Amino acid sequence: MKEALLIVIAYLIGSIPTAVWVSKAFFGIDIRDYGSGNAGATNTFRVLGSRWGTFVMIIDMLKGVAATSLYILLPYYTHSELERTNFMVGLGLAAVVGHIFPIWADFRGGKGVATLFGMILAIQPLVAVLCVGIFLVVLYLTRFVSLSSILASIAFAVFILVIFNEKEPLYRAFAIAVALLVVLTHQKNITRLLRGSESKVPILKYRDRRKERRRSK
């Protein structure tokens, strides 16, 4: 009963529609009416710029961390590593579902990548840091948030299954599910990437301007 209540709370935390509230409070618009129509960090980067995109991404990650850490309210789980990991996965997934289908925003949310990484950060900090590193490197090189998210999620599966070789079957299945979930939720982005029509985020616009000036000289 207590576990079920915490799962519901995790879902409610994940349902906090950061991008929607930010766009309405500071810009008088609904982020879902612009860009890709998603209420996530990627579309916020695209529509509102890097400052607000970064803010939304951090808050959405913290939602995953907070929801996944609810296990500490039940002392039993602090003494059993296996049970704790399994329960944390359940809490984190509830938050991700909340982000994708937020009760506070008519069940129209984002793709859950930032919240998913927050969940991973709470469960496996080292792997999360490595995945975030891959995300940032790809983002720096390409400025495609979608491609960065896809490659980071695939890297997560590789880290869990191959490099760290985690033995827990549920955790291994979770790693595969994460990669598949991110790829499936980015099908439209993958199509646009292949067509060369995917939008780049303006986080490196000053670098790009310098390059353009050099080329024009």
N, C-alpha and C. Protein backbone atom coordinates (compact mmCIF):
# COMPACT_ATOMS: atom_id res chain seq x y z
N MET A 1 0.83 -1.20 0.00
CA MET A 1 0.00 0.00 0.00
C MET A 1 0.87 1.26 0.00
N LYS A 2 1.89 1.30 0.84
CA LYS A 2 2.78 2.44 0.91
C LYS A 2 3.55 2.59 -0.40
N GLU A 3 3.98 1.46 -0.97
CA GLU A 3 4.69 1.49 -2.24
C GLU A 3 3.81 2.09 -3.34
N ALA A 4 2.55 1.67 -3.37
CA ALA A 4 1.62 2.17 -4.39
C ALA A 4 1.43 3.68 -4.25
N LEU A 5 1.34 4.16 -3.01
CA LEU A 5 1.18 5.60 -2.78
C LEU A 5 2.40 6.37 -3.28
N LEU A 6 3.59 5.85 -3.03
CA LEU A 6 4.80 6.51 -3.49
C LEU A 6 4.90 6.49 -5.01
N ILE A 7 4.43 5.42 -5.62
CA ILE A 7 4.41 5.37 -7.08
C ILE A 7 3.53 6.48 -7.64
N VAL A 8 2.37 6.68 -7.01
CA VAL A 8 1.46 7.75 -7.44
C VAL A 8 2.12 9.11 -7.25
N ILE A 9 2.79 9.31 -6.12
CA ILE A 9 3.47 10.58 -5.86
C ILE A 9 4.57 10.81 -6.89
N ALA A 10 5.30 9.73 -7.24
CA ALA A 10 6.35 9.84 -8.25
C ALA A 10 5.76 10.28 -9.59
N TYR A 11 4.60 9.71 -9.93
CA TYR A 11 3.92 10.10 -11.17
C TYR A 11 3.54 11.58 -11.13
N LEU A 12 3.04 12.04 -10.00
CA LEU A 12 2.62 13.44 -9.86
C LEU A 12 3.82 14.38 -9.97
N ILE A 13 4.95 13.97 -9.41
CA ILE A 13 6.17 14.77 -9.53
C ILE A 13 6.60 14.84 -11.00
N GLY A 14 6.58 13.70 -11.66
CA GLY A 14 6.94 13.67 -13.07
C GLY A 14 5.99 14.48 -13.93
N SER A 15 4.75 14.63 -13.47
CA SER A 15 3.73 15.35 -14.24
C SER A 15 3.91 16.86 -14.23
N ILE A 16 4.80 17.37 -13.39
CA ILE A 16 5.01 18.83 -13.37
C ILE A 16 5.47 19.27 -14.75
N PRO A 17 4.66 20.03 -15.48
CA PRO A 17 4.96 20.40 -16.88
C PRO A 17 5.84 21.65 -16.95
N THR A 18 7.11 21.47 -16.66
CA THR A 18 8.03 22.61 -16.56
C THR A 18 7.97 23.52 -17.78
N ALA A 19 8.10 22.91 -18.96
CA ALA A 19 8.14 23.71 -20.19
C ALA A 19 6.84 24.48 -20.42
N VAL A 20 5.72 23.85 -20.11
CA VAL A 20 4.41 24.50 -20.29
C VAL A 20 4.27 25.68 -19.35
N TRP A 21 4.59 25.47 -18.08
CA TRP A 21 4.45 26.55 -17.09
C TRP A 21 5.41 27.70 -17.39
N VAL A 22 6.64 27.38 -17.80
CA VAL A 22 7.62 28.43 -18.12
C VAL A 22 7.15 29.24 -19.32
N SER A 23 6.72 28.56 -20.37
CA SER A 23 6.30 29.26 -21.59
C SER A 23 5.08 30.15 -21.33
N LYS A 24 4.16 29.68 -20.49
CA LYS A 24 2.97 30.47 -20.20
C LYS A 24 3.28 31.63 -19.25
N ALA A 25 4.10 31.37 -18.25
CA ALA A 25 4.37 32.40 -17.23
C ALA A 25 5.26 33.52 -17.75
N PHE A 26 6.25 33.20 -18.59
CA PHE A 26 7.23 34.21 -19.01
C PHE A 26 7.07 34.68 -20.45
N PHE A 27 6.34 33.91 -21.26
CA PHE A 27 6.22 34.28 -22.67
C PHE A 27 4.77 34.40 -23.14
N GLY A 28 3.83 34.01 -22.28
CA GLY A 28 2.43 34.11 -22.64
C GLY A 28 2.00 33.19 -23.76
N ILE A 29 2.72 32.07 -23.94
CA ILE A 29 2.39 31.09 -24.98
C ILE A 29 2.38 29.69 -24.37
N ASP A 30 1.84 28.76 -25.12
CA ASP A 30 1.92 27.35 -24.75
C ASP A 30 2.95 26.71 -25.67
N ILE A 31 4.04 26.25 -25.08
CA ILE A 31 5.15 25.68 -25.86
C ILE A 31 4.70 24.60 -26.82
N ARG A 32 3.58 23.95 -26.50
CA ARG A 32 3.08 22.85 -27.33
C ARG A 32 2.45 23.32 -28.64
N ASP A 33 2.26 24.64 -28.75
CA ASP A 33 1.71 25.20 -29.98
C ASP A 33 2.82 25.62 -30.96
N TYR A 34 4.05 25.38 -30.59
CA TYR A 34 5.17 25.82 -31.42
C TYR A 34 6.19 24.68 -31.60
N GLY A 35 7.05 24.85 -32.58
CA GLY A 35 8.10 23.87 -32.81
C GLY A 35 7.56 22.48 -33.09
N SER A 36 8.09 21.52 -32.35
CA SER A 36 7.67 20.13 -32.53
C SER A 36 6.36 19.82 -31.84
N GLY A 37 5.88 20.74 -30.98
CA GLY A 37 4.64 20.51 -30.25
C GLY A 37 4.83 19.74 -28.95
N ASN A 38 6.07 19.43 -28.59
CA ASN A 38 6.34 18.69 -27.35
C ASN A 38 6.64 19.64 -26.20
N ALA A 39 6.26 19.23 -25.01
CA ALA A 39 6.52 20.04 -23.81
C ALA A 39 7.76 19.52 -23.10
N GLY A 40 8.89 19.59 -23.78
CA GLY A 40 10.13 19.10 -23.19
C GLY A 40 11.27 20.06 -23.42
N ALA A 41 12.45 19.68 -22.94
CA ALA A 41 13.62 20.56 -23.03
C ALA A 41 14.04 20.82 -24.48
N THR A 42 13.96 19.79 -25.32
CA THR A 42 14.39 19.95 -26.71
C THR A 42 13.60 21.04 -27.41
N ASN A 43 12.29 20.99 -27.29
CA ASN A 43 11.46 22.00 -27.94
C ASN A 43 11.62 23.36 -27.29
N THR A 44 11.90 23.38 -25.99
CA THR A 44 12.14 24.65 -25.31
C THR A 44 13.41 25.30 -25.82
N PHE A 45 14.47 24.50 -26.01
CA PHE A 45 15.69 25.02 -26.63
C PHE A 45 15.36 25.64 -27.98
N ARG A 46 14.56 24.93 -28.76
CA ARG A 46 14.26 25.35 -30.13
C ARG A 46 13.42 26.63 -30.15
N VAL A 47 12.45 26.73 -29.26
CA VAL A 47 11.49 27.83 -29.32
C VAL A 47 11.89 29.01 -28.43
N LEU A 48 12.35 28.73 -27.22
CA LEU A 48 12.61 29.80 -26.25
C LEU A 48 14.08 30.12 -26.06
N GLY A 49 14.96 29.31 -26.64
CA GLY A 49 16.38 29.60 -26.55
C GLY A 49 17.11 28.75 -25.52
N SER A 50 18.44 28.89 -25.52
CA SER A 50 19.28 28.02 -24.69
C SER A 50 19.12 28.24 -23.20
N ARG A 51 18.88 29.50 -22.78
CA ARG A 51 18.76 29.78 -21.34
C ARG A 51 17.57 29.04 -20.74
N TRP A 52 16.41 29.18 -21.37
CA TRP A 52 15.22 28.53 -20.84
C TRP A 52 15.23 27.04 -21.13
N GLY A 53 15.84 26.65 -22.23
CA GLY A 53 15.96 25.23 -22.52
C GLY A 53 16.79 24.52 -21.47
N THR A 54 17.89 25.15 -21.06
CA THR A 54 18.74 24.59 -20.01
C THR A 54 17.99 24.52 -18.69
N PHE A 55 17.26 25.57 -18.36
CA PHE A 55 16.49 25.60 -17.12
C PHE A 55 15.47 24.45 -17.09
N VAL A 56 14.72 24.30 -18.18
CA VAL A 56 13.71 23.23 -18.24
C VAL A 56 14.36 21.86 -18.15
N MET A 57 15.49 21.68 -18.83
CA MET A 57 16.18 20.39 -18.81
C MET A 57 16.63 20.04 -17.39
N ILE A 58 17.19 21.01 -16.67
CA ILE A 58 17.66 20.75 -15.31
C ILE A 58 16.49 20.41 -14.39
N ILE A 59 15.41 21.18 -14.46
CA ILE A 59 14.26 20.90 -13.60
C ILE A 59 13.66 19.54 -13.92
N ASP A 60 13.56 19.20 -15.20
CA ASP A 60 13.00 17.90 -15.58
C ASP A 60 13.89 16.76 -15.10
N MET A 61 15.20 16.97 -15.11
CA MET A 61 16.10 15.95 -14.56
C MET A 61 15.90 15.82 -13.05
N LEU A 62 15.76 16.95 -12.37
CA LEU A 62 15.56 16.91 -10.92
C LEU A 62 14.25 16.21 -10.56
N LYS A 63 13.24 16.31 -11.44
CA LYS A 63 12.00 15.57 -11.20
C LYS A 63 12.30 14.07 -11.12
N GLY A 64 13.13 13.59 -12.03
CA GLY A 64 13.48 12.17 -12.03
C GLY A 64 14.25 11.78 -10.78
N VAL A 65 15.18 12.65 -10.37
CA VAL A 65 15.97 12.38 -9.16
C VAL A 65 15.07 12.34 -7.94
N ALA A 66 14.20 13.34 -7.80
CA ALA A 66 13.32 13.44 -6.63
C ALA A 66 12.37 12.26 -6.55
N ALA A 67 11.74 11.93 -7.67
CA ALA A 67 10.77 10.83 -7.67
C ALA A 67 11.44 9.51 -7.35
N THR A 68 12.60 9.27 -7.95
CA THR A 68 13.30 8.00 -7.75
C THR A 68 13.83 7.87 -6.33
N SER A 69 14.10 8.98 -5.68
CA SER A 69 14.64 8.97 -4.31
C SER A 69 13.57 8.83 -3.24
N LEU A 70 12.33 8.71 -3.63
CA LEU A 70 11.25 8.56 -2.64
C LEU A 70 11.37 7.27 -1.83
N TYR A 71 12.20 6.34 -2.30
CA TYR A 71 12.35 5.07 -1.58
C TYR A 71 12.84 5.29 -0.15
N ILE A 72 13.53 6.42 0.09
CA ILE A 72 14.08 6.66 1.43
C ILE A 72 12.98 6.82 2.48
N LEU A 73 11.75 7.03 2.04
CA LEU A 73 10.64 7.17 2.98
C LEU A 73 10.22 5.82 3.56
N LEU A 74 10.72 4.74 2.96
CA LEU A 74 10.44 3.40 3.47
C LEU A 74 11.75 2.77 3.93
N PRO A 75 12.03 2.76 5.21
CA PRO A 75 13.32 2.30 5.75
C PRO A 75 13.76 0.93 5.24
N TYR A 76 12.81 0.04 4.95
CA TYR A 76 13.16 -1.30 4.51
C TYR A 76 14.08 -1.27 3.29
N TYR A 77 13.79 -0.36 2.36
CA TYR A 77 14.53 -0.32 1.10
C TYR A 77 15.94 0.23 1.24
N THR A 78 16.24 0.88 2.37
CA THR A 78 17.60 1.39 2.57
C THR A 78 18.56 0.27 2.95
N HIS A 79 18.03 -0.91 3.29
CA HIS A 79 18.88 -2.02 3.75
C HIS A 79 18.94 -3.18 2.75
N SER A 80 18.21 -3.10 1.67
CA SER A 80 18.20 -4.18 0.70
C SER A 80 18.50 -3.61 -0.68
N GLU A 81 19.72 -3.82 -1.17
CA GLU A 81 20.15 -3.21 -2.41
C GLU A 81 19.32 -3.67 -3.60
N LEU A 82 19.05 -4.96 -3.69
CA LEU A 82 18.28 -5.49 -4.81
C LEU A 82 16.87 -4.94 -4.82
N GLU A 83 16.20 -5.03 -3.68
CA GLU A 83 14.83 -4.52 -3.58
C GLU A 83 14.80 -3.00 -3.81
N ARG A 84 15.82 -2.33 -3.31
CA ARG A 84 15.88 -0.87 -3.46
C ARG A 84 16.00 -0.49 -4.94
N THR A 85 16.89 -1.17 -5.66
CA THR A 85 17.07 -0.86 -7.09
C THR A 85 15.79 -1.11 -7.87
N ASN A 86 15.14 -2.23 -7.59
CA ASN A 86 13.90 -2.55 -8.30
C ASN A 86 12.81 -1.50 -8.02
N PHE A 87 12.72 -1.08 -6.76
CA PHE A 87 11.71 -0.09 -6.40
C PHE A 87 12.04 1.27 -7.01
N MET A 88 13.32 1.61 -7.04
CA MET A 88 13.74 2.87 -7.64
C MET A 88 13.41 2.91 -9.13
N VAL A 89 13.58 1.78 -9.79
CA VAL A 89 13.23 1.70 -11.21
C VAL A 89 11.74 1.97 -11.39
N GLY A 90 10.92 1.36 -10.51
CA GLY A 90 9.48 1.57 -10.58
C GLY A 90 9.10 3.02 -10.34
N LEU A 91 9.73 3.65 -9.35
CA LEU A 91 9.46 5.06 -9.05
C LEU A 91 9.88 5.95 -10.22
N GLY A 92 11.05 5.68 -10.74
CA GLY A 92 11.56 6.49 -11.84
C GLY A 92 10.70 6.38 -13.08
N LEU A 93 10.27 5.16 -13.39
CA LEU A 93 9.42 4.97 -14.57
C LEU A 93 8.08 5.68 -14.39
N ALA A 94 7.56 5.70 -13.16
CA ALA A 94 6.31 6.42 -12.89
C ALA A 94 6.50 7.91 -13.18
N ALA A 95 7.65 8.45 -12.82
CA ALA A 95 7.93 9.86 -13.10
C ALA A 95 8.05 10.12 -14.59
N VAL A 96 8.69 9.21 -15.31
CA VAL A 96 8.83 9.35 -16.77
C VAL A 96 7.46 9.32 -17.44
N VAL A 97 6.61 8.39 -16.99
CA VAL A 97 5.25 8.32 -17.53
C VAL A 97 4.52 9.62 -17.23
N GLY A 98 4.73 10.16 -16.03
CA GLY A 98 4.11 11.43 -15.68
C GLY A 98 4.56 12.56 -16.57
N HIS A 99 5.83 12.57 -16.93
CA HIS A 99 6.34 13.62 -17.81
C HIS A 99 5.73 13.50 -19.21
N ILE A 100 5.58 12.28 -19.69
CA ILE A 100 5.03 12.07 -21.04
C ILE A 100 3.53 12.32 -21.05
N PHE A 101 2.85 11.90 -19.97
CA PHE A 101 1.39 12.07 -19.86
C PHE A 101 1.06 12.82 -18.57
N PRO A 102 1.35 14.12 -18.51
CA PRO A 102 1.17 14.88 -17.26
C PRO A 102 -0.28 15.20 -16.95
N ILE A 103 -0.69 14.83 -15.76
CA ILE A 103 -2.07 15.10 -15.34
C ILE A 103 -2.31 16.60 -15.21
N TRP A 104 -1.24 17.38 -14.96
CA TRP A 104 -1.38 18.83 -14.77
C TRP A 104 -1.44 19.57 -16.11
N ALA A 105 -1.27 18.88 -17.23
CA ALA A 105 -1.23 19.56 -18.53
C ALA A 105 -1.96 18.75 -19.60
N ASP A 106 -3.15 18.27 -19.25
CA ASP A 106 -4.01 17.57 -20.21
C ASP A 106 -3.36 16.34 -20.83
N PHE A 107 -2.42 15.73 -20.10
CA PHE A 107 -1.76 14.49 -20.53
C PHE A 107 -0.98 14.66 -21.84
N ARG A 108 -0.54 15.89 -22.12
CA ARG A 108 0.28 16.18 -23.30
C ARG A 108 1.61 16.75 -22.84
N GLY A 109 2.60 15.86 -22.71
CA GLY A 109 3.89 16.28 -22.20
C GLY A 109 5.02 16.14 -23.20
N GLY A 110 6.21 15.90 -22.67
CA GLY A 110 7.39 15.74 -23.51
C GLY A 110 7.73 14.28 -23.72
N LYS A 111 8.98 14.04 -24.10
CA LYS A 111 9.41 12.68 -24.42
C LYS A 111 10.07 11.98 -23.24
N GLY A 112 10.31 12.71 -22.16
CA GLY A 112 10.77 12.09 -20.93
C GLY A 112 12.25 11.82 -20.81
N VAL A 113 13.05 12.32 -21.77
CA VAL A 113 14.48 11.99 -21.76
C VAL A 113 15.18 12.60 -20.55
N ALA A 114 14.95 13.89 -20.28
CA ALA A 114 15.62 14.53 -19.15
C ALA A 114 15.22 13.89 -17.82
N THR A 115 13.93 13.59 -17.67
CA THR A 115 13.46 12.93 -16.45
C THR A 115 14.06 11.53 -16.33
N LEU A 116 14.21 10.87 -17.46
CA LEU A 116 14.82 9.54 -17.49
C LEU A 116 16.27 9.60 -17.03
N PHE A 117 17.00 10.61 -17.49
CA PHE A 117 18.39 10.75 -17.06
C PHE A 117 18.48 11.10 -15.58
N GLY A 118 17.49 11.86 -15.07
CA GLY A 118 17.47 12.13 -13.64
C GLY A 118 17.26 10.87 -12.84
N MET A 119 16.42 10.00 -13.37
CA MET A 119 16.19 8.70 -12.74
C MET A 119 17.48 7.88 -12.70
N ILE A 120 18.20 7.86 -13.83
CA ILE A 120 19.46 7.12 -13.90
C ILE A 120 20.48 7.72 -12.95
N LEU A 121 20.48 9.04 -12.83
CA LEU A 121 21.41 9.71 -11.92
C LEU A 121 21.20 9.27 -10.48
N ALA A 122 19.93 9.05 -10.11
CA ALA A 122 19.63 8.61 -8.74
C ALA A 122 20.01 7.15 -8.51
N ILE A 123 19.87 6.33 -9.54
CA ILE A 123 20.15 4.89 -9.40
C ILE A 123 21.62 4.56 -9.60
N GLN A 124 22.20 5.13 -10.65
CA GLN A 124 23.58 4.79 -11.04
C GLN A 124 24.30 6.08 -11.43
N PRO A 125 24.78 6.85 -10.44
CA PRO A 125 25.37 8.17 -10.72
C PRO A 125 26.51 8.15 -11.73
N LEU A 126 27.42 7.20 -11.63
CA LEU A 126 28.58 7.17 -12.53
C LEU A 126 28.13 6.99 -13.97
N VAL A 127 27.24 6.04 -14.20
CA VAL A 127 26.75 5.82 -15.56
C VAL A 127 26.02 7.05 -16.06
N ALA A 128 25.25 7.69 -15.18
CA ALA A 128 24.52 8.89 -15.59
C ALA A 128 25.47 9.99 -16.02
N VAL A 129 26.55 10.19 -15.26
CA VAL A 129 27.53 11.22 -15.59
C VAL A 129 28.18 10.93 -16.94
N LEU A 130 28.49 9.67 -17.19
CA LEU A 130 29.08 9.28 -18.47
C LEU A 130 28.11 9.55 -19.62
N CYS A 131 26.84 9.22 -19.40
CA CYS A 131 25.83 9.45 -20.44
C CYS A 131 25.61 10.93 -20.70
N VAL A 132 25.60 11.72 -19.63
CA VAL A 132 25.47 13.17 -19.79
C VAL A 132 26.67 13.72 -20.55
N GLY A 133 27.86 13.17 -20.26
CA GLY A 133 29.06 13.59 -20.98
C GLY A 133 28.93 13.33 -22.47
N ILE A 134 28.43 12.15 -22.82
CA ILE A 134 28.22 11.81 -24.23
C ILE A 134 27.19 12.75 -24.85
N PHE A 135 26.12 13.00 -24.10
CA PHE A 135 25.08 13.93 -24.57
C PHE A 135 25.68 15.29 -24.90
N LEU A 136 26.50 15.83 -23.99
CA LEU A 136 27.05 17.17 -24.17
C LEU A 136 28.05 17.22 -25.32
N VAL A 137 28.85 16.17 -25.47
CA VAL A 137 29.83 16.14 -26.57
C VAL A 137 29.12 16.12 -27.92
N VAL A 138 28.11 15.25 -28.04
CA VAL A 138 27.36 15.17 -29.30
C VAL A 138 26.62 16.48 -29.56
N LEU A 139 26.07 17.08 -28.50
CA LEU A 139 25.36 18.35 -28.65
C LEU A 139 26.32 19.44 -29.11
N TYR A 140 27.52 19.46 -28.56
CA TYR A 140 28.51 20.46 -28.95
C TYR A 140 28.91 20.31 -30.41
N LEU A 141 29.07 19.06 -30.83
CA LEU A 141 29.53 18.80 -32.19
C LEU A 141 28.44 18.98 -33.24
N THR A 142 27.18 18.68 -32.86
CA THR A 142 26.11 18.67 -33.87
C THR A 142 25.01 19.70 -33.63
N ARG A 143 24.79 20.10 -32.36
CA ARG A 143 23.70 20.98 -31.94
C ARG A 143 22.32 20.33 -32.13
N PHE A 144 22.29 19.01 -32.28
CA PHE A 144 21.02 18.29 -32.35
C PHE A 144 20.74 17.67 -30.99
N VAL A 145 19.75 18.19 -30.26
CA VAL A 145 19.40 17.62 -28.97
C VAL A 145 18.85 16.21 -29.15
N SER A 146 18.08 16.00 -30.20
CA SER A 146 17.49 14.69 -30.45
C SER A 146 18.57 13.63 -30.65
N LEU A 147 19.55 13.91 -31.49
CA LEU A 147 20.63 12.95 -31.73
C LEU A 147 21.44 12.72 -30.46
N SER A 148 21.66 13.78 -29.69
CA SER A 148 22.40 13.66 -28.42
C SER A 148 21.66 12.73 -27.46
N SER A 149 20.34 12.88 -27.39
CA SER A 149 19.52 12.05 -26.50
C SER A 149 19.55 10.59 -26.94
N ILE A 150 19.43 10.36 -28.23
CA ILE A 150 19.40 8.99 -28.76
C ILE A 150 20.72 8.28 -28.47
N LEU A 151 21.83 8.94 -28.78
CA LEU A 151 23.15 8.30 -28.58
C LEU A 151 23.46 8.12 -27.10
N ALA A 152 23.03 9.04 -26.26
CA ALA A 152 23.26 8.89 -24.82
C ALA A 152 22.46 7.72 -24.26
N SER A 153 21.25 7.52 -24.75
CA SER A 153 20.43 6.41 -24.26
C SER A 153 20.99 5.06 -24.72
N ILE A 154 21.49 5.03 -25.95
CA ILE A 154 22.12 3.80 -26.43
C ILE A 154 23.39 3.51 -25.64
N ALA A 155 24.13 4.58 -25.33
CA ALA A 155 25.34 4.42 -24.52
C ALA A 155 25.00 3.88 -23.15
N PHE A 156 23.88 4.30 -22.58
CA PHE A 156 23.45 3.80 -21.27
C PHE A 156 23.29 2.28 -21.31
N ALA A 157 22.64 1.77 -22.35
CA ALA A 157 22.47 0.32 -22.48
C ALA A 157 23.81 -0.38 -22.61
N VAL A 158 24.72 0.22 -23.38
CA VAL A 158 26.06 -0.38 -23.56
C VAL A 158 26.81 -0.41 -22.24
N PHE A 159 26.73 0.68 -21.48
CA PHE A 159 27.42 0.73 -20.18
C PHE A 159 26.89 -0.36 -19.24
N ILE A 160 25.56 -0.48 -19.16
CA ILE A 160 24.96 -1.44 -18.22
C ILE A 160 25.20 -2.88 -18.66
N LEU A 161 25.01 -3.15 -19.94
CA LEU A 161 25.07 -4.53 -20.44
C LEU A 161 26.49 -5.03 -20.68
N VAL A 162 27.37 -4.15 -21.11
CA VAL A 162 28.70 -4.59 -21.55
C VAL A 162 29.81 -4.10 -20.63
N ILE A 163 29.94 -2.80 -20.50
CA ILE A 163 31.09 -2.25 -19.77
C ILE A 163 31.03 -2.56 -18.28
N PHE A 164 29.89 -2.26 -17.63
CA PHE A 164 29.75 -2.55 -16.20
C PHE A 164 29.19 -3.95 -15.96
N ASN A 165 28.61 -4.53 -16.98
CA ASN A 165 28.10 -5.91 -16.94
C ASN A 165 27.26 -6.18 -15.68
N GLU A 166 26.23 -5.36 -15.51
CA GLU A 166 25.33 -5.53 -14.37
C GLU A 166 24.65 -6.90 -14.44
N LYS A 167 24.55 -7.57 -13.29
CA LYS A 167 24.02 -8.94 -13.27
C LYS A 167 22.50 -9.00 -13.06
N GLU A 168 21.92 -7.95 -12.47
CA GLU A 168 20.50 -7.97 -12.16
C GLU A 168 19.67 -7.97 -13.45
N PRO A 169 18.90 -9.04 -13.71
CA PRO A 169 18.12 -9.14 -14.95
C PRO A 169 17.16 -7.98 -15.19
N LEU A 170 16.50 -7.51 -14.12
CA LEU A 170 15.55 -6.42 -14.27
C LEU A 170 16.25 -5.14 -14.71
N TYR A 171 17.43 -4.91 -14.17
CA TYR A 171 18.19 -3.69 -14.52
C TYR A 171 18.68 -3.76 -15.96
N ARG A 172 19.08 -4.95 -16.39
CA ARG A 172 19.52 -5.13 -17.77
C ARG A 172 18.35 -4.92 -18.73
N ALA A 173 17.20 -5.46 -18.36
CA ALA A 173 16.01 -5.27 -19.19
C ALA A 173 15.62 -3.79 -19.23
N PHE A 174 15.78 -3.11 -18.10
CA PHE A 174 15.48 -1.69 -18.03
C PHE A 174 16.39 -0.89 -18.96
N ALA A 175 17.68 -1.24 -18.99
CA ALA A 175 18.63 -0.53 -19.85
C ALA A 175 18.24 -0.66 -21.32
N ILE A 176 17.83 -1.87 -21.71
CA ILE A 176 17.39 -2.09 -23.10
C ILE A 176 16.12 -1.31 -23.37
N ALA A 177 15.21 -1.31 -22.40
CA ALA A 177 13.93 -0.59 -22.56
C ALA A 177 14.16 0.90 -22.71
N VAL A 178 15.14 1.44 -21.98
CA VAL A 178 15.44 2.87 -22.07
C VAL A 178 15.87 3.24 -23.48
N ALA A 179 16.81 2.46 -24.01
CA ALA A 179 17.30 2.74 -25.36
C ALA A 179 16.17 2.65 -26.38
N LEU A 180 15.34 1.61 -26.27
CA LEU A 180 14.23 1.43 -27.20
C LEU A 180 13.20 2.55 -27.07
N LEU A 181 12.91 2.93 -25.82
CA LEU A 181 11.92 3.99 -25.57
C LEU A 181 12.36 5.30 -26.21
N VAL A 182 13.62 5.67 -26.00
CA VAL A 182 14.12 6.94 -26.55
C VAL A 182 14.11 6.91 -28.07
N VAL A 183 14.54 5.79 -28.64
CA VAL A 183 14.54 5.68 -30.11
C VAL A 183 13.12 5.76 -30.65
N LEU A 184 12.19 5.05 -30.01
CA LEU A 184 10.81 5.04 -30.49
C LEU A 184 10.14 6.42 -30.37
N THR A 185 10.43 7.12 -29.30
CA THR A 185 9.82 8.44 -29.11
C THR A 185 10.48 9.51 -29.98
N HIS A 186 11.57 9.16 -30.63
CA HIS A 186 12.26 10.13 -31.50
C HIS A 186 12.20 9.71 -32.97
N GLN A 187 11.20 8.94 -33.34
CA GLN A 187 11.11 8.49 -34.73
C GLN A 187 11.02 9.65 -35.71
N LYS A 188 10.19 10.65 -35.37
CA LYS A 188 10.06 11.80 -36.26
C LYS A 188 11.37 12.56 -36.37
N ASN A 189 12.08 12.66 -35.23
CA ASN A 189 13.37 13.34 -35.25
C ASN A 189 14.38 12.59 -36.11
N ILE A 190 14.35 11.26 -36.01
CA ILE A 190 15.26 10.45 -36.82
C ILE A 190 14.98 10.65 -38.30
N THR A 191 13.71 10.71 -38.66
CA THR A 191 13.34 10.96 -40.05
C THR A 191 13.87 12.31 -40.51
N ARG A 192 13.71 13.34 -39.66
CA ARG A 192 14.20 14.67 -40.03
C ARG A 192 15.71 14.71 -40.09
N LEU A 193 16.38 13.96 -39.21
CA LEU A 193 17.85 13.90 -39.25
C LEU A 193 18.32 13.29 -40.56
N LEU A 194 17.66 12.23 -40.99
CA LEU A 194 18.04 11.57 -42.24
C LEU A 194 17.77 12.46 -43.45
N ARG A 195 16.74 13.28 -43.35
CA ARG A 195 16.39 14.20 -44.45
C ARG A 195 17.20 15.49 -44.40
N GLY A 196 17.88 15.71 -43.29
CA GLY A 196 18.65 16.94 -43.13
C GLY A 196 17.80 18.14 -42.77
N SER A 197 16.61 17.90 -42.22
CA SER A 197 15.70 19.00 -41.89
C SER A 197 15.50 19.17 -40.39
N GLU A 198 16.24 18.45 -39.57
CA GLU A 198 16.10 18.58 -38.12
C GLU A 198 16.65 19.93 -37.67
N SER A 199 15.93 20.61 -36.77
CA SER A 199 16.35 21.92 -36.29
C SER A 199 17.50 21.78 -35.29
N LYS A 200 18.43 22.73 -35.36
CA LYS A 200 19.53 22.77 -34.41
C LYS A 200 19.20 23.79 -33.33
N VAL A 201 19.67 23.51 -32.12
CA VAL A 201 19.42 24.45 -31.03
C VAL A 201 20.47 25.56 -31.08
N PRO A 202 20.11 26.77 -30.67
CA PRO A 202 21.01 27.92 -30.84
C PRO A 202 22.03 28.10 -29.72
N ILE A 203 22.51 27.01 -29.14
CA ILE A 203 23.41 27.17 -28.00
C ILE A 203 24.82 27.58 -28.42
N LEU A 204 25.18 27.34 -29.66
CA LEU A 204 26.54 27.66 -30.11
C LEU A 204 26.51 28.69 -31.24
N LYS A 205 25.54 29.60 -31.18
CA LYS A 205 25.37 30.54 -32.28
C LYS A 205 26.58 31.47 -32.43
N TYR A 206 27.23 31.80 -31.30
CA TYR A 206 28.39 32.68 -31.40
C TYR A 206 29.55 31.98 -32.08
N ARG A 207 29.73 30.70 -31.79
CA ARG A 207 30.76 29.93 -32.46
C ARG A 207 30.49 29.86 -33.94
N ASP A 208 29.23 29.64 -34.31
CA ASP A 208 28.86 29.53 -35.71
C ASP A 208 29.05 30.85 -36.44
N ARG A 209 28.75 31.96 -35.76
CA ARG A 209 28.96 33.26 -36.38
C ARG A 209 30.43 33.51 -36.65
N ARG A 210 31.30 33.08 -35.73
CA ARG A 210 32.73 33.25 -35.94
C ARG A 210 33.19 32.44 -37.15
N LYS A 211 32.65 31.22 -37.27
CA LYS A 211 33.00 30.38 -38.41
C LYS A 211 32.57 31.03 -39.71
N GLU A 212 31.36 31.59 -39.71
CA GLU A 212 30.84 32.23 -40.93
C GLU A 212 31.69 33.44 -41.30
N ARG A 213 32.14 34.22 -40.30
CA ARG A 213 32.98 35.37 -40.59
C ARG A 213 34.32 34.95 -41.17
N ARG A 214 34.86 33.84 -40.64
CA ARG A 214 36.14 33.35 -41.16
C ARG A 214 36.02 32.90 -42.60
N ARG A 215 34.89 32.24 -42.90
CA ARG A 215 34.69 31.76 -44.26
C ARG A 215 34.51 32.91 -45.27
N SER A 216 33.91 34.02 -44.77
CA SER A 216 33.64 35.14 -45.66
C SER A 216 34.88 35.98 -45.93
N LYS A 217 35.94 35.76 -45.12
CA LYS A 217 37.17 36.54 -45.31
C LYS A 217 38.01 35.99 -46.46
